Amino acid sequence: TPNPLRVIDTIRKARLEAGIALNIETNPDK
């Protein structure tokens, strides 16, 4: 997604826990 904050907001509004997955090559500093 180009907008992870929008996805997190959607999950939060559903009153669920939000998690983000990173592929091997992605730097977690992002």
PDB file of all heavy atoms in Angstrom:
ATOM      1  N   THR A   1       0.826  -1.201   0.000  1.00  0.00           N
ATOM      2  CA  THR A   1       0.000   0.000   0.000  1.00  0.00           C
ATOM      3  C   THR A   1       0.863   1.253   0.000  1.00  0.00           C
ATOM      4  O   THR A   1       1.907   1.293   0.657  1.00  0.00           O
ATOM      5  CB  THR A   1      -0.931   0.031   1.226  1.00  0.00           C
ATOM      6  OG1 THR A   1      -1.642   1.277   1.268  1.00  0.00           O
ATOM      7  CG2 THR A   1      -0.143  -0.129   2.519  1.00  0.00           C
ATOM      8  N   PRO A   2       0.441   2.308  -0.716  1.00  0.00           N
ATOM      9  CA  PRO A   2       1.186   3.570  -0.674  1.00  0.00           C
ATOM     10  C   PRO A   2       0.867   4.382   0.583  1.00  0.00           C
ATOM     11  O   PRO A   2       1.536   5.366   0.878  1.00  0.00           O
ATOM     12  CB  PRO A   2       0.696   4.299  -1.931  1.00  0.00           C
ATOM     13  CG  PRO A   2      -0.690   3.782  -2.139  1.00  0.00           C
ATOM     14  CD  PRO A   2      -0.653   2.334  -1.704  1.00  0.00           C
ATOM     15  N   ASN A   3      -0.148   3.957   1.333  1.00  0.00           N
ATOM     16  CA  ASN A   3      -0.586   4.733   2.494  1.00  0.00           C
ATOM     17  C   ASN A   3      -0.869   3.804   3.686  1.00  0.00           C
ATOM     18  O   ASN A   3      -2.035   3.524   4.009  1.00  0.00           O
ATOM     19  CB  ASN A   3      -1.847   5.531   2.139  1.00  0.00           C
ATOM     20  CG  ASN A   3      -2.173   6.584   3.191  1.00  0.00           C
ATOM     21  OD1 ASN A   3      -1.712   6.502   4.331  1.00  0.00           O
ATOM     22  ND2 ASN A   3      -2.978   7.563   2.821  1.00  0.00           N
ATOM     23  N   PRO A   4       0.186   3.326   4.346  1.00  0.00           N
ATOM     24  CA  PRO A   4      -0.029   2.415   5.476  1.00  0.00           C
ATOM     25  C   PRO A   4      -0.824   3.037   6.614  1.00  0.00           C
ATOM     26  O   PRO A   4      -1.556   2.328   7.313  1.00  0.00           O
ATOM     27  CB  PRO A   4       1.391   2.045   5.915  1.00  0.00           C
ATOM     28  CG  PRO A   4       2.282   3.089   5.337  1.00  0.00           C
ATOM     29  CD  PRO A   4       1.627   3.533   4.075  1.00  0.00           C
ATOM     30  N   LEU A   5      -0.720   4.341   6.805  1.00  0.00           N
ATOM     31  CA  LEU A   5      -1.477   4.984   7.882  1.00  0.00           C
ATOM     32  C   LEU A   5      -2.978   4.882   7.650  1.00  0.00           C
ATOM     33  O   LEU A   5      -3.751   4.724   8.600  1.00  0.00           O
ATOM     34  CB  LEU A   5      -1.064   6.454   8.002  1.00  0.00           C
ATOM     35  CG  LEU A   5       0.287   6.713   8.678  1.00  0.00           C
ATOM     36  CD1 LEU A   5       0.647   8.189   8.598  1.00  0.00           C
ATOM     37  CD2 LEU A   5       0.275   6.242  10.128  1.00  0.00           C
ATOM     38  N   ARG A   6      -3.391   4.943   6.389  1.00  0.00           N
ATOM     39  CA  ARG A   6      -4.816   4.806   6.081  1.00  0.00           C
ATOM     40  C   ARG A   6      -5.302   3.394   6.427  1.00  0.00           C
ATOM     41  O   ARG A   6      -6.397   3.216   6.961  1.00  0.00           O
ATOM     42  CB  ARG A   6      -5.085   5.100   4.610  1.00  0.00           C
ATOM     43  CG  ARG A   6      -6.557   5.005   4.223  1.00  0.00           C
ATOM     44  CD  ARG A   6      -6.781   5.410   2.786  1.00  0.00           C
ATOM     45  NE  ARG A   6      -6.085   4.521   1.865  1.00  0.00           N
ATOM     46  CZ  ARG A   6      -6.043   4.696   0.549  1.00  0.00           C
ATOM     47  NH1 ARG A   6      -6.622   5.757  -0.001  1.00  0.00           N
ATOM     48  NH2 ARG A   6      -5.394   3.836  -0.220  1.00  0.00           N
ATOM     49  N   VAL A   7      -4.472   2.402   6.143  1.00  0.00           N
ATOM     50  CA  VAL A   7      -4.844   1.023   6.464  1.00  0.00           C
ATOM     51  C   VAL A   7      -4.924   0.838   7.978  1.00  0.00           C
ATOM     52  O   VAL A   7      -5.874   0.237   8.498  1.00  0.00           O
ATOM     53  CB  VAL A   7      -3.845   0.020   5.859  1.00  0.00           C
ATOM     54  CG1 VAL A   7      -4.293  -1.407   6.157  1.00  0.00           C
ATOM     55  CG2 VAL A   7      -3.703   0.233   4.356  1.00  0.00           C
ATOM     56  N   ILE A   8      -3.940   1.368   8.687  1.00  0.00           N
ATOM     57  CA  ILE A   8      -3.942   1.275  10.149  1.00  0.00           C
ATOM     58  C   ILE A   8      -5.191   1.933  10.723  1.00  0.00           C
ATOM     59  O   ILE A   8      -5.843   1.388  11.623  1.00  0.00           O
ATOM     60  CB  ILE A   8      -2.670   1.929  10.736  1.00  0.00           C
ATOM     61  CG1 ILE A   8      -1.432   1.121  10.339  1.00  0.00           C
ATOM     62  CG2 ILE A   8      -2.772   2.039  12.257  1.00  0.00           C
ATOM     63  CD1 ILE A   8      -0.128   1.826  10.652  1.00  0.00           C
ATOM     64  N   ASP A   9      -5.554   3.102  10.180  1.00  0.00           N
ATOM     65  CA  ASP A   9      -6.748   3.806  10.650  1.00  0.00           C
ATOM     66  C   ASP A   9      -8.005   2.974  10.430  1.00  0.00           C
ATOM     67  O   ASP A   9      -8.892   2.918  11.297  1.00  0.00           O
ATOM     68  CB  ASP A   9      -6.860   5.154   9.931  1.00  0.00           C
ATOM     69  CG  ASP A   9      -8.001   6.005  10.469  1.00  0.00           C
ATOM     70  OD1 ASP A   9      -8.004   6.285  11.679  1.00  0.00           O
ATOM     71  OD2 ASP A   9      -8.889   6.387   9.675  1.00  0.00           O
ATOM     72  N   THR A  10      -8.082   2.295   9.287  1.00  0.00           N
ATOM     73  CA  THR A  10      -9.234   1.438   9.000  1.00  0.00           C
ATOM     74  C   THR A  10      -9.315   0.289   9.989  1.00  0.00           C
ATOM     75  O   THR A  10     -10.400  -0.051  10.490  1.00  0.00           O
ATOM     76  CB  THR A  10      -9.141   0.875   7.566  1.00  0.00           C
ATOM     77  OG1 THR A  10      -9.082   1.954   6.630  1.00  0.00           O
ATOM     78  CG2 THR A  10     -10.340  -0.009   7.243  1.00  0.00           C
ATOM     79  N   ILE A  11      -8.165  -0.300  10.302  1.00  0.00           N
ATOM     80  CA  ILE A  11      -8.126  -1.405  11.271  1.00  0.00           C
ATOM     81  C   ILE A  11      -8.519  -0.916  12.655  1.00  0.00           C
ATOM     82  O   ILE A  11      -9.290  -1.568  13.373  1.00  0.00           O
ATOM     83  CB  ILE A  11      -6.724  -2.044  11.293  1.00  0.00           C
ATOM     84  CG1 ILE A  11      -6.399  -2.662   9.924  1.00  0.00           C
ATOM     85  CG2 ILE A  11      -6.624  -3.091  12.401  1.00  0.00           C
ATOM     86  CD1 ILE A  11      -4.958  -3.107   9.773  1.00  0.00           C
ATOM     87  N   ARG A  12      -8.006   0.231  13.039  1.00  0.00           N
ATOM     88  CA  ARG A  12      -8.320   0.793  14.357  1.00  0.00           C
ATOM     89  C   ARG A  12      -9.817   1.095  14.484  1.00  0.00           C
ATOM     90  O   ARG A  12     -10.435   0.857  15.525  1.00  0.00           O
ATOM     91  CB  ARG A  12      -7.521   2.076  14.564  1.00  0.00           C
ATOM     92  CG  ARG A  12      -6.044   1.839  14.786  1.00  0.00           C
ATOM     93  CD  ARG A  12      -5.822   1.349  16.184  1.00  0.00           C
ATOM     94  NE  ARG A  12      -4.412   1.223  16.488  1.00  0.00           N
ATOM     95  CZ  ARG A  12      -3.862   0.148  16.992  1.00  0.00           C
ATOM     96  NH1 ARG A  12      -4.593  -0.913  17.246  1.00  0.00           N
ATOM     97  NH2 ARG A  12      -2.585   0.097  17.261  1.00  0.00           N
ATOM     98  N   LYS A  13     -10.405   1.654  13.411  1.00  0.00           N
ATOM     99  CA  LYS A  13     -11.838   1.972  13.450  1.00  0.00           C
ATOM    100  C   LYS A  13     -12.680   0.708  13.581  1.00  0.00           C
ATOM    101  O   LYS A  13     -13.806   0.757  14.085  1.00  0.00           O
ATOM    102  CB  LYS A  13     -12.228   2.747  12.195  1.00  0.00           C
ATOM    103  CG  LYS A  13     -11.737   4.196  12.215  1.00  0.00           C
ATOM    104  CD  LYS A  13     -12.151   4.948  10.963  1.00  0.00           C
ATOM    105  CE  LYS A  13     -11.690   6.410  11.040  1.00  0.00           C
ATOM    106  NZ  LYS A  13     -12.019   7.155   9.796  1.00  0.00           N
ATOM    107  N   ALA A  14     -12.128  -0.414  13.116  1.00  0.00           N
ATOM    108  CA  ALA A  14     -12.814  -1.699  13.273  1.00  0.00           C
ATOM    109  C   ALA A  14     -12.565  -2.301  14.655  1.00  0.00           C
ATOM    110  O   ALA A  14     -13.063  -3.387  14.954  1.00  0.00           O
ATOM    111  CB  ALA A  14     -12.353  -2.666  12.190  1.00  0.00           C
ATOM    112  N   ARG A  15     -11.777  -1.618  15.486  1.00  0.00           N
ATOM    113  CA  ARG A  15     -11.450  -2.049  16.841  1.00  0.00           C
ATOM    114  C   ARG A  15     -10.711  -3.382  16.854  1.00  0.00           C
ATOM    115  O   ARG A  15     -10.992  -4.268  17.666  1.00  0.00           O
ATOM    116  CB  ARG A  15     -12.709  -2.103  17.717  1.00  0.00           C
ATOM    117  CG  ARG A  15     -13.369  -0.738  17.887  1.00  0.00           C
ATOM    118  CD  ARG A  15     -14.532  -0.776  18.835  1.00  0.00           C
ATOM    119  NE  ARG A  15     -15.114   0.547  19.015  1.00  0.00           N
ATOM    120  CZ  ARG A  15     -16.140   0.821  19.817  1.00  0.00           C
ATOM    121  NH1 ARG A  15     -16.689  -0.160  20.529  1.00  0.00           N
ATOM    122  NH2 ARG A  15     -16.610   2.048  19.912  1.00  0.00           N
ATOM    123  N   LEU A  16      -9.765  -3.487  15.934  1.00  0.00           N
ATOM    124  CA  LEU A  16      -8.901  -4.662  15.851  1.00  0.00           C
ATOM    125  C   LEU A  16      -7.460  -4.246  16.063  1.00  0.00           C
ATOM    126  O   LEU A  16      -7.112  -3.068  15.905  1.00  0.00           O
ATOM    127  CB  LEU A  16      -9.044  -5.321  14.472  1.00  0.00           C
ATOM    128  CG  LEU A  16     -10.428  -5.822  14.088  1.00  0.00           C
ATOM    129  CD1 LEU A  16     -10.423  -6.299  12.645  1.00  0.00           C
ATOM    130  CD2 LEU A  16     -10.884  -6.936  15.018  1.00  0.00           C
ATOM    131  N   GLU A  17      -6.605  -5.201  16.416  1.00  0.00           N
ATOM    132  CA  GLU A  17      -5.179  -4.929  16.493  1.00  0.00           C
ATOM    133  C   GLU A  17      -4.609  -4.816  15.085  1.00  0.00           C
ATOM    134  O   GLU A  17      -5.037  -5.509  14.159  1.00  0.00           O
ATOM    135  CB  GLU A  17      -4.459  -6.037  17.261  1.00  0.00           C
ATOM    136  CG  GLU A  17      -4.800  -6.079  18.730  1.00  0.00           C
ATOM    137  CD  GLU A  17      -3.936  -7.084  19.475  1.00  0.00           C
ATOM    138  OE1 GLU A  17      -2.993  -7.635  18.869  1.00  0.00           O
ATOM    139  OE2 GLU A  17      -4.217  -7.326  20.661  1.00  0.00           O
ATOM    140  N   ALA A  18      -3.614  -3.943  14.940  1.00  0.00           N
ATOM    141  CA  ALA A  18      -2.990  -3.715  13.635  1.00  0.00           C
ATOM    142  C   ALA A  18      -1.546  -4.186  13.642  1.00  0.00           C
ATOM    143  O   ALA A  18      -0.777  -3.885  14.557  1.00  0.00           O
ATOM    144  CB  ALA A  18      -3.037  -2.222  13.278  1.00  0.00           C
ATOM    145  N   GLY A  19      -1.202  -4.950  12.608  1.00  0.00           N
ATOM    146  CA  GLY A  19       0.173  -5.395  12.443  1.00  0.00           C
ATOM    147  C   GLY A  19       0.658  -5.107  11.039  1.00  0.00           C
ATOM    148  O   GLY A  19      -0.143  -5.080  10.089  1.00  0.00           O
ATOM    149  N   ILE A  20       1.956  -4.865  10.897  1.00  0.00           N
ATOM    150  CA  ILE A  20       2.558  -4.644   9.581  1.00  0.00           C
ATOM    151  C   ILE A  20       3.587  -5.730   9.317  1.00  0.00           C
ATOM    152  O   ILE A  20       4.418  -6.036  10.175  1.00  0.00           O
ATOM    153  CB  ILE A  20       3.220  -3.256   9.486  1.00  0.00           C
ATOM    154  CG1 ILE A  20       2.164  -2.156   9.504  1.00  0.00           C
ATOM    155  CG2 ILE A  20       4.048  -3.144   8.212  1.00  0.00           C
ATOM    156  CD1 ILE A  20       2.718  -0.760   9.260  1.00  0.00           C
ATOM    157  N   ALA A  21       3.516  -6.299   8.122  1.00  0.00           N
ATOM    158  CA  ALA A  21       4.482  -7.315   7.696  1.00  0.00           C
ATOM    159  C   ALA A  21       5.510  -6.683   6.771  1.00  0.00           C
ATOM    160  O   ALA A  21       5.175  -5.804   5.958  1.00  0.00           O
ATOM    161  CB  ALA A  21       3.765  -8.454   6.977  1.00  0.00           C
ATOM    162  N   LEU A  22       6.749  -7.141   6.895  1.00  0.00           N
ATOM    163  CA  LEU A  22       7.835  -6.665   6.048  1.00  0.00           C
ATOM    164  C   LEU A  22       8.439  -7.824   5.276  1.00  0.00           C
ATOM    165  O   LEU A  22       8.775  -8.862   5.861  1.00  0.00           O
ATOM    166  CB  LEU A  22       8.937  -6.013   6.892  1.00  0.00           C
ATOM    167  CG  LEU A  22       8.595  -4.742   7.665  1.00  0.00           C
ATOM    168  CD1 LEU A  22       9.835  -4.260   8.403  1.00  0.00           C
ATOM    169  CD2 LEU A  22       8.075  -3.661   6.744  1.00  0.00           C
ATOM    170  N   ASN A  23       8.610  -7.636   3.981  1.00  0.00           N
ATOM    171  CA  ASN A  23       9.342  -8.623   3.191  1.00  0.00           C
ATOM    172  C   ASN A  23      10.822  -8.579   3.563  1.00  0.00           C
ATOM    173  O   ASN A  23      11.308  -7.601   4.156  1.00  0.00           O
ATOM    174  CB  ASN A  23       9.158  -8.351   1.706  1.00  0.00           C
ATOM    175  CG  ASN A  23       7.763  -8.704   1.229  1.00  0.00           C
ATOM    176  OD1 ASN A  23       7.005  -9.396   1.920  1.00  0.00           O
ATOM    177  ND2 ASN A  23       7.409  -8.231   0.042  1.00  0.00           N
ATOM    178  N   ILE A  24      11.534  -9.612   3.177  1.00  0.00           N
ATOM    179  CA  ILE A  24      12.936  -9.761   3.563  1.00  0.00           C
ATOM    180  C   ILE A  24      13.770  -8.539   3.204  1.00  0.00           C
ATOM    181  O   ILE A  24      14.618  -8.089   3.987  1.00  0.00           O
ATOM    182  CB  ILE A  24      13.528 -11.034   2.911  1.00  0.00           C
ATOM    183  CG1 ILE A  24      12.904 -12.281   3.553  1.00  0.00           C
ATOM    184  CG2 ILE A  24      15.046 -11.087   3.047  1.00  0.00           C
ATOM    185  CD1 ILE A  24      13.237 -13.566   2.838  1.00  0.00           C
ATOM    186  N   GLU A  25      13.542  -7.994   2.021  1.00  0.00           N
ATOM    187  CA  GLU A  25      14.385  -6.912   1.525  1.00  0.00           C
ATOM    188  C   GLU A  25      14.042  -5.535   2.098  1.00  0.00           C
ATOM    189  O   GLU A  25      14.796  -4.568   1.915  1.00  0.00           O
ATOM    190  CB  GLU A  25      14.306  -6.847  -0.007  1.00  0.00           C
ATOM    191  CG  GLU A  25      12.961  -6.403  -0.569  1.00  0.00           C
ATOM    192  CD  GLU A  25      11.945  -7.529  -0.691  1.00  0.00           C
ATOM    193  OE1 GLU A  25      12.237  -8.637  -0.210  1.00  0.00           O
ATOM    194  OE2 GLU A  25      10.868  -7.282  -1.254  1.00  0.00           O
ATOM    195  N   THR A  26      12.932  -5.410   2.813  1.00  0.00           N
ATOM    196  CA  THR A  26      12.490  -4.105   3.307  1.00  0.00           C
ATOM    197  C   THR A  26      13.192  -3.738   4.607  1.00  0.00           C
ATOM    198  O   THR A  26      13.243  -4.532   5.551  1.00  0.00           O
ATOM    199  CB  THR A  26      10.969  -4.090   3.519  1.00  0.00           C
ATOM    200  OG1 THR A  26      10.322  -4.411   2.289  1.00  0.00           O
ATOM    201  CG2 THR A  26      10.485  -2.722   3.983  1.00  0.00           C
ATOM    202  N   ASN A  27      13.720  -2.532   4.651  1.00  0.00           N
ATOM    203  CA  ASN A  27      14.404  -2.026   5.847  1.00  0.00           C
ATOM    204  C   ASN A  27      13.368  -1.609   6.890  1.00  0.00           C
ATOM    205  O   ASN A  27      12.517  -0.755   6.609  1.00  0.00           O
ATOM    206  CB  ASN A  27      15.277  -0.821   5.462  1.00  0.00           C
ATOM    207  CG  ASN A  27      16.176  -0.379   6.593  1.00  0.00           C
ATOM    208  OD1 ASN A  27      15.860  -0.546   7.775  1.00  0.00           O
ATOM    209  ND2 ASN A  27      17.306   0.214   6.247  1.00  0.00           N
ATOM    210  N   PRO A  28      13.401  -2.191   8.090  1.00  0.00           N
ATOM    211  CA  PRO A  28      12.413  -1.826   9.116  1.00  0.00           C
ATOM    212  C   PRO A  28      12.496  -0.374   9.565  1.00  0.00           C
ATOM    213  O   PRO A  28      11.558   0.137  10.178  1.00  0.00           O
ATOM    214  CB  PRO A  28      12.731  -2.788  10.269  1.00  0.00           C
ATOM    215  CG  PRO A  28      14.112  -3.273  10.027  1.00  0.00           C
ATOM    216  CD  PRO A  28      14.298  -3.262   8.538  1.00  0.00           C
ATOM    217  N   ASP A  29      13.605   0.306   9.252  1.00  0.00           N
ATOM    218  CA  ASP A  29      13.704   1.732   9.592  1.00  0.00           C
ATOM    219  C   ASP A  29      12.626   2.546   8.889  1.00  0.00           C
ATOM    220  O   ASP A  29      12.292   3.651   9.328  1.00  0.00           O
ATOM    221  CB  ASP A  29      15.078   2.278   9.207  1.00  0.00           C
ATOM    222  CG  ASP A  29      16.187   1.760  10.115  1.00  0.00           C
ATOM    223  OD1 ASP A  29      15.865   1.208  11.188  1.00  0.00           O
ATOM    224  OD2 ASP A  29      17.366   1.902   9.748  1.00  0.00           O
ATOM    225  N   LYS A  30      12.061   2.011   7.799  1.00  0.00           N
ATOM    226  CA  LYS A  30      10.990   2.718   7.079  1.00  0.00           C
ATOM    227  C   LYS A  30       9.721   2.854   7.926  1.00  0.00           C
ATOM    228  O   LYS A  30       8.850   3.664   7.620  1.00  0.00           O
ATOM    229  CB  LYS A  30      10.676   1.994   5.775  1.00  0.00           C
ATOM    230  CG  LYS A  30      11.798   2.068   4.745  1.00  0.00           C
ATOM    231  CD  LYS A  30      11.382   1.429   3.429  1.00  0.00           C
ATOM    232  CE  LYS A  30      12.485   1.586   2.375  1.00  0.00           C
ATOM    233  NZ  LYS A  30      12.086   1.009   1.068  1.00  0.00           N
TER     234      LYS A  30
END
